[in-house]
């Protein structure tokens, strides 16, 4: 009984972590990227009417690239599962492999 409860909590914290990263984390990173674009535009895009900041475009590009990578990874996992495959991170990067039976 105690072992089953431990397994349930182990699975629950993993689901919670993934849901926070993809459910709340990616929208936060996207919002930071959009805010960085306003920082890089300067002028009327900000309340202070400051000069454009070139670092804003770099930060925005990085944030939006992270969001795009998360979306592509999610679609890849869903599509691989539909074809009876799995996504493995064994080599440090995602690869589609045959499911282990």
Protein backbone atom coordinates (compact mmCIF):
# COMPACT_ATOMS: atom_id res chain seq x y z
CA UNK A 1 0.00 0.00 0.00
CA UNK A 2 2.75 2.45 0.95
CA UNK A 3 4.71 1.60 -2.22
CA UNK A 4 1.68 2.31 -4.40
CA UNK A 5 1.20 5.67 -2.71
CA UNK A 6 4.86 6.49 -3.33
CA UNK A 7 4.52 5.58 -7.01
CA UNK A 8 1.42 7.76 -7.28
CA UNK A 9 3.19 10.77 -5.76
CA UNK A 10 6.23 10.17 -7.97
CA UNK A 11 4.06 10.26 -11.07
CA UNK A 12 2.05 13.24 -9.79
CA UNK A 13 5.07 15.51 -9.29
CA UNK A 14 6.33 14.64 -12.79
CA UNK A 15 2.96 15.55 -14.31
CA UNK A 16 2.92 18.75 -12.26
CA UNK A 17 6.41 19.71 -13.43
CA UNK A 18 5.64 19.11 -17.11
CA UNK A 19 2.34 20.96 -16.86
CA UNK A 20 4.05 23.95 -15.25
CA UNK A 21 6.79 24.05 -17.87
CA UNK A 22 4.53 23.67 -20.90
CA UNK A 23 1.28 24.99 -19.46
CA UNK A 24 2.56 28.12 -17.73
CA UNK A 25 6.26 28.34 -18.56
CA UNK A 26 6.03 28.70 -22.32
CA UNK A 27 3.39 31.46 -22.20
CA UNK A 28 5.58 33.36 -19.70
CA UNK A 29 8.62 33.04 -21.97
CA UNK A 30 6.47 34.16 -24.94
CA UNK A 31 5.27 37.20 -22.98
CA UNK A 32 8.87 38.09 -22.10
CA UNK A 33 9.78 37.84 -25.78
CA UNK A 34 6.96 40.17 -26.80
CA UNK A 35 7.90 42.61 -24.04
CA UNK A 36 11.50 42.53 -25.26
CA UNK A 37 10.31 43.48 -28.73
CA UNK A 38 8.69 46.60 -27.26
CA UNK A 39 11.95 47.36 -25.45
CA UNK A 40 13.85 47.03 -28.72
CA UNK A 41 11.39 49.31 -30.53
CA UNK A 42 11.66 52.14 -28.03
CA UNK A 43 9.86 55.39 -28.78
CA UNK A 44 6.06 55.09 -28.77
CA UNK A 45 6.21 51.38 -27.84
CA UNK A 46 7.20 52.35 -24.28
CA UNK A 47 5.79 54.79 -21.76
CA UNK A 48 9.17 56.45 -21.24
CA UNK A 49 9.71 57.05 -25.00
CA UNK A 50 13.26 55.79 -24.57
CA UNK A 51 15.64 55.08 -27.41
CA UNK A 52 15.48 51.63 -29.00
CA UNK A 53 17.60 49.03 -27.27
CA UNK A 54 19.31 46.49 -29.61
CA UNK A 55 19.60 43.88 -26.85
CA UNK A 56 15.80 43.67 -26.83
CA UNK A 57 15.75 42.04 -30.26
CA UNK A 58 18.30 39.45 -29.17
CA UNK A 59 16.36 38.60 -26.00
CA UNK A 60 13.11 38.46 -27.98
CA UNK A 61 14.64 36.13 -30.58
CA UNK A 62 15.94 33.79 -27.87
CA UNK A 63 12.62 33.73 -26.02
CA UNK A 64 10.59 33.11 -29.16
CA UNK A 65 13.05 30.40 -30.29
CA UNK A 66 12.57 28.59 -26.96
CA UNK A 67 8.78 28.78 -27.37
CA UNK A 68 8.98 27.53 -30.96
CA UNK A 69 11.24 24.64 -29.90
CA UNK A 70 8.77 23.68 -27.15
CA UNK A 71 5.84 23.70 -29.57
CA UNK A 72 7.73 21.66 -32.17
CA UNK A 73 8.84 19.16 -29.51
CA UNK A 74 5.27 18.79 -28.25
CA UNK A 75 3.92 18.20 -31.76
CA UNK A 76 6.73 15.72 -32.43
CA UNK A 77 5.89 13.73 -29.29
CA UNK A 78 2.19 13.66 -30.18
CA UNK A 79 2.86 12.65 -33.80
CA UNK A 80 5.42 10.00 -32.82
CA UNK A 81 2.97 8.47 -30.36
CA UNK A 82 0.31 8.36 -33.07
CA UNK A 83 2.65 6.37 -35.32
CA UNK A 84 3.52 3.91 -32.54
CA UNK A 85 6.95 5.46 -31.89
CA UNK A 86 8.48 7.29 -28.93
CA UNK A 87 10.77 10.29 -28.52
CA UNK A 88 14.05 9.54 -26.77
CA UNK A 89 16.51 12.02 -25.24
CA UNK A 90 19.20 9.36 -24.80
CA UNK A 91 21.81 11.31 -26.80
CA UNK A 92 20.89 14.70 -25.37
CA UNK A 93 18.67 15.70 -28.26
CA UNK A 94 15.27 14.30 -29.19
CA UNK A 95 15.16 11.36 -31.58
CA UNK A 96 12.21 9.26 -32.70
CA UNK A 97 12.70 5.60 -31.81
CA UNK A 98 10.62 2.44 -31.80
CA UNK A 99 8.56 1.96 -28.63
CA UNK A 100 9.87 -0.58 -26.17
CA UNK A 101 7.37 -3.32 -25.50
